[in-house]
Amino acid sequence: MRSNPLVHSTISIHHTFRCFNICLLIFVLELSAFLSVSAQEQVASDSISLQLTFLKATLKKDETRSKVWWWGWFSGYSAATAAQVAVAYTSEKQQLKQDMYLGATTTLIGAAGQFLSPLTPYNVSAHLDKIPENNDFEREQKLLIAEEMLRRCTQNELDGRSWKMHAMSGAVNLSSGIITWVGFRRTWKDGLLNFVLNTAITEAQIWTQPMLARNAYLKYNRRYHPADESLVQQTERPTITFLASANYIGLILTF
């Protein structure tokens, strides 16, 4: 029995077409996988760029506000110290001399305290700008560094408003009030007035401290690291509130 050439040709064409379809399907699947991976890598790269942009802008803004706050209070304390010394030096009234010299000592401690404050006029943004970001690896490393910088700035702001800062300034103010009352032999109301005025100034200094880094860090974590709750735990710190009137002095410690 002779085979039909037409049948063989049809079978061959069908087999070739089937192989072509299989190869085309494999090619399409591999191309789709490649494009999917490339798209994911591009999305990740874009996300890193967005995070870096946010962090760099935040650090620069926070740096500017911190400098304004630090130099503003340092200049104010320094000017108050010089003015009170000048008044004390030129005055012939003993009581006024005592008040001015004591006030100058207090404001001098306030100026010196700026150097001990956790919040200092740092220049982290300039350091961050020097780090290269020419490829994905460098951008990833720079992102980690920028996140750590923002975390440290946040911690400094939290420390600057911690109960320790309130306690230290309160101790200085209380000492000044006692010196006015006992040391200068004034009335207890004079000592209380001295304490209240100094406390109002130092509390204003603490509470006007910028908190941009902390707020930005919370926003950043909610957007990119929602599982990180470390900052929330750090903000739950004890605080001290001073209460004073003509009849009493009180401290409220909140945990």
Protein backbone atom coordinates (compact mmCIF):
# COMPACT_ATOMS: atom_id res chain seq x y z
CA MET A 1 0.00 0.00 0.00
CA ARG A 2 1.45 3.27 -1.12
CA SER A 3 1.48 6.23 1.27
CA ASN A 4 -0.17 9.43 0.27
CA PRO A 5 2.41 12.26 -0.04
CA LEU A 6 -0.29 14.84 0.60
CA VAL A 7 -1.14 13.30 3.96
CA HIS A 8 2.51 13.24 5.00
CA SER A 9 2.88 16.84 3.96
CA THR A 10 -0.20 17.84 5.93
CA ILE A 11 1.02 16.03 9.03
CA SER A 12 4.44 17.64 8.72
CA ILE A 13 2.94 21.10 8.39
CA HIS A 14 0.66 20.50 11.37
CA HIS A 15 3.58 19.28 13.47
CA THR A 16 5.71 22.27 12.49
CA PHE A 17 2.86 24.67 13.25
CA ARG A 18 2.32 23.01 16.63
CA CYS A 19 6.02 23.32 17.53
CA PHE A 20 5.94 26.94 16.42
CA ASN A 21 2.95 27.64 18.69
CA ILE A 22 4.67 25.98 21.65
CA CYS A 23 7.86 27.97 21.07
CA LEU A 24 5.84 31.15 20.67
CA LEU A 25 3.96 30.45 23.91
CA ILE A 26 7.22 29.82 25.78
CA PHE A 27 8.67 33.03 24.35
CA VAL A 28 5.60 35.03 25.37
CA LEU A 29 5.67 33.59 28.89
CA GLU A 30 9.38 34.33 29.30
CA LEU A 31 8.89 37.83 27.91
CA SER A 32 5.99 38.45 30.29
CA ALA A 33 8.05 37.23 33.24
CA PHE A 34 10.94 39.45 32.20
CA LEU A 35 8.71 42.47 31.74
CA SER A 36 7.03 41.78 35.10
CA VAL A 37 10.38 41.61 36.89
CA SER A 38 11.57 44.75 35.08
CA ALA A 39 8.37 46.55 36.03
CA GLN A 40 8.74 45.52 39.67
CA GLU A 41 12.35 46.66 39.69
CA GLN A 42 11.33 49.98 38.14
CA VAL A 43 8.56 50.44 40.73
CA ALA A 44 11.04 49.65 43.53
CA SER A 45 13.56 52.09 42.05
CA ASP A 46 10.92 54.82 41.75
CA SER A 47 9.83 54.18 45.35
CA ILE A 48 13.40 54.55 46.60
CA SER A 49 13.77 57.81 44.68
CA LEU A 50 10.53 59.15 46.18
CA GLN A 51 11.62 58.17 49.69
CA LEU A 52 15.02 59.81 49.22
CA THR A 53 13.41 63.00 47.95
CA PHE A 54 11.09 63.10 50.97
CA LEU A 55 13.90 62.42 53.46
CA LYS A 56 16.31 64.97 51.97
CA ALA A 57 13.66 67.70 51.94
CA THR A 58 12.62 66.86 55.51
CA LEU A 59 16.17 66.90 56.87
CA LYS A 60 16.87 70.29 55.29
CA LYS A 61 13.68 71.84 56.67
CA ASP A 62 14.30 70.39 60.12
CA GLU A 63 17.89 71.61 60.04
CA THR A 64 16.76 75.16 59.23
CA ARG A 65 14.15 75.23 62.00
CA SER A 66 16.58 73.77 64.53
CA LYS A 67 19.16 76.45 63.71
CA VAL A 68 16.58 79.22 64.10
CA TRP A 69 15.47 77.83 67.45
CA TRP A 70 19.00 77.20 68.77
CA TRP A 71 20.55 80.50 67.72
CA GLY A 72 17.42 82.45 68.66
CA TRP A 73 17.44 81.27 72.27
CA PHE A 74 21.22 81.43 72.56
CA SER A 75 21.24 85.03 71.31
CA GLY A 76 18.35 85.95 73.59
CA TYR A 77 20.01 84.49 76.68
CA SER A 78 23.34 86.11 75.78
CA ALA A 79 21.77 89.53 75.25
CA ALA A 80 19.81 89.25 78.51
CA THR A 81 22.99 88.30 80.37
CA ALA A 82 24.93 91.27 79.00
CA ALA A 83 22.06 93.70 79.67
CA GLN A 84 21.58 92.57 83.29
CA VAL A 85 25.30 92.76 84.02
CA ALA A 86 25.39 96.29 82.59
CA VAL A 87 22.43 97.37 84.74
CA ALA A 88 23.91 95.78 87.85
CA TYR A 89 27.28 97.41 87.23
CA THR A 90 25.85 100.91 86.80
CA SER A 91 23.13 100.75 89.48
CA GLU A 92 23.68 102.00 93.02
CA LYS A 93 20.69 100.15 94.52
CA GLN A 94 21.74 97.03 96.37
CA GLN A 95 18.49 95.17 95.75
CA LEU A 96 18.57 95.88 92.03
CA LYS A 97 22.20 94.77 91.84
CA GLN A 98 21.32 91.49 93.52
CA ASP A 99 18.40 90.84 91.18
CA MET A 100 20.37 91.70 88.07
CA TYR A 101 23.43 89.62 88.96
CA LEU A 102 21.24 86.66 89.87
CA GLY A 103 19.25 87.07 86.68
CA ALA A 104 22.45 87.31 84.65
CA THR A 105 23.70 84.09 86.22
CA THR A 106 20.43 82.35 85.37
CA THR A 107 20.42 83.50 81.73
CA LEU A 108 24.10 82.62 81.42
CA ILE A 109 23.25 79.08 82.51
CA GLY A 110 20.46 79.12 79.92
CA ALA A 111 22.89 80.13 77.17
CA ALA A 112 25.36 77.44 78.23
CA GLY A 113 22.52 74.94 78.34
CA GLN A 114 22.03 75.33 74.61
CA PHE A 115 25.34 73.54 74.11
CA LEU A 116 24.07 70.68 76.27
CA SER A 117 20.73 70.47 74.50
CA PRO A 118 20.13 67.30 72.45
CA LEU A 119 18.86 69.52 69.66
CA THR A 120 21.86 71.25 68.09
CA PRO A 121 22.32 73.19 64.81
CA TYR A 122 23.64 70.16 62.93
CA ASN A 123 24.46 69.97 59.19
CA VAL A 124 23.41 66.45 58.26
CA SER A 125 21.86 67.45 54.92
CA ALA A 126 25.23 68.59 53.58
CA HIS A 127 26.74 65.23 54.50
CA LEU A 128 23.85 63.38 52.86
CA ASP A 129 24.23 65.37 49.64
CA LYS A 130 27.83 64.13 49.29
CA ILE A 131 26.76 60.49 49.21
CA PRO A 132 26.47 59.26 45.57
CA GLU A 133 23.27 57.82 44.12
CA ASN A 134 24.28 56.86 40.59
CA ASN A 135 22.70 53.40 40.58
CA ASP A 136 20.11 51.34 42.44
CA PHE A 137 22.61 49.92 44.92
CA GLU A 138 23.96 53.34 45.86
CA ARG A 139 20.43 54.70 46.19
CA GLU A 140 19.45 51.83 48.48
CA GLN A 141 22.49 52.46 50.70
CA LYS A 142 21.82 56.20 50.74
CA LEU A 143 18.20 55.55 51.69
CA LEU A 144 19.29 53.53 54.72
CA ILE A 145 21.64 56.33 55.79
CA ALA A 146 18.94 58.98 55.31
CA GLU A 147 16.45 56.96 57.36
CA GLU A 148 18.99 56.64 60.18
CA MET A 149 19.66 60.38 60.06
CA LEU A 150 15.96 61.16 60.38
CA ARG A 151 15.63 58.65 63.21
CA ARG A 152 18.49 60.32 65.12
CA CYS A 153 17.01 63.79 64.57
CA THR A 154 13.70 62.47 65.87
CA GLN A 155 15.39 61.01 68.94
CA ASN A 156 17.13 64.32 69.61
CA GLU A 157 13.81 66.14 69.49
CA LEU A 158 12.24 63.63 71.87
CA ASP A 159 15.18 63.98 74.27
CA GLY A 160 14.96 67.76 74.05
CA ARG A 161 11.40 67.66 75.41
CA SER A 162 11.94 64.80 77.84
CA TRP A 163 11.25 65.03 81.55
CA LYS A 164 14.99 65.36 82.19
CA MET A 165 15.11 68.74 80.45
CA HIS A 166 12.12 69.96 82.47
CA ALA A 167 13.70 68.67 85.67
CA MET A 168 17.09 70.32 85.04
CA SER A 169 15.62 73.70 84.19
CA GLY A 170 13.25 73.39 87.14
CA ALA A 171 16.17 72.77 89.50
CA VAL A 172 17.93 75.92 88.28
CA ASN A 173 14.75 77.98 88.60
CA LEU A 174 14.01 76.64 92.06
CA SER A 175 17.55 77.46 93.19
CA SER A 176 17.16 81.00 91.89
CA GLY A 177 13.89 81.41 93.79
CA ILE A 178 15.39 80.10 97.02
CA ILE A 179 18.38 82.43 96.70
CA THR A 180 16.02 85.37 96.24
CA TRP A 181 13.93 84.34 99.25
CA VAL A 182 16.57 83.08 101.70
CA GLY A 183 19.87 84.38 100.38
CA PHE A 184 18.71 87.94 99.75
CA ARG A 185 16.27 87.86 102.72
CA ARG A 186 13.23 88.78 100.68
CA THR A 187 9.66 87.58 101.18
CA TRP A 188 8.61 84.13 100.02
CA LYS A 189 6.42 85.82 97.43
CA ASP A 190 9.51 87.42 95.88
CA GLY A 191 11.14 83.99 95.69
CA LEU A 192 7.99 82.52 94.16
CA LEU A 193 7.76 85.30 91.59
CA ASN A 194 11.39 84.71 90.59
CA PHE A 195 10.71 80.98 90.20
CA VAL A 196 7.53 81.49 88.17
CA LEU A 197 9.11 83.99 85.76
CA ASN A 198 12.17 81.83 85.14
CA THR A 199 10.01 78.73 84.73
CA ALA A 200 7.83 80.49 82.16
CA ILE A 201 10.94 81.34 80.14
CA THR A 202 12.54 77.89 80.29
CA GLU A 203 9.26 76.09 79.57
CA ALA A 204 8.76 78.34 76.54
CA GLN A 205 12.27 77.44 75.42
CA ILE A 206 11.51 73.71 75.68
CA TRP A 207 8.06 73.78 74.11
CA THR A 208 9.07 76.03 71.19
CA GLN A 209 11.66 73.46 70.16
CA PRO A 210 10.78 72.26 66.63
CA MET A 211 9.34 68.77 66.24
CA LEU A 212 9.35 68.54 62.45
CA ALA A 213 11.59 65.47 62.34
CA ARG A 214 9.37 63.52 64.72
CA ASN A 215 6.20 64.35 62.82
CA ALA A 216 7.84 63.55 59.49
CA TYR A 217 9.23 60.28 60.84
CA LEU A 218 5.77 59.20 61.97
CA LYS A 219 4.35 60.07 58.56
CA TYR A 220 7.21 58.29 56.79
CA ASN A 221 6.81 55.15 58.87
CA ARG A 222 3.05 55.03 58.35
CA ARG A 223 3.59 55.21 54.60
CA TYR A 224 6.63 53.00 54.08
CA HIS A 225 7.13 51.01 57.31
CA PRO A 226 3.68 50.64 58.90
CA ALA A 227 4.82 47.72 61.08
CA ASP A 228 7.46 49.82 62.87
CA GLU A 229 6.03 50.95 66.23
CA SER A 230 9.33 51.82 67.92
CA LEU A 231 8.77 55.57 67.64
CA VAL A 232 5.32 55.36 69.18
CA GLN A 233 6.83 53.58 72.17
CA GLN A 234 9.57 56.20 72.46
CA THR A 235 7.10 59.10 72.58
CA GLU A 236 5.38 57.66 75.63
CA ARG A 237 7.71 59.28 78.15
CA PRO A 238 7.10 60.92 81.50
CA THR A 239 6.72 64.69 81.55
CA ILE A 240 6.80 67.26 84.35
CA THR A 241 4.37 70.18 84.60
CA PHE A 242 5.03 73.10 86.94
CA LEU A 243 2.11 74.76 88.72
CA ALA A 244 2.52 77.88 90.81
CA SER A 245 0.33 80.54 92.37
CA ALA A 246 0.47 82.95 95.28
CA ASN A 247 -0.52 80.14 97.66
CA TYR A 248 1.32 77.03 96.43
CA ILE A 249 3.97 75.49 94.20
CA GLY A 250 3.30 72.15 92.60
CA LEU A 251 4.90 69.62 90.27
CA ILE A 252 2.86 67.13 88.25
CA LEU A 253 4.76 64.08 86.99
CA THR A 254 2.92 62.31 84.17
CA PHE A 255 3.99 58.82 83.03
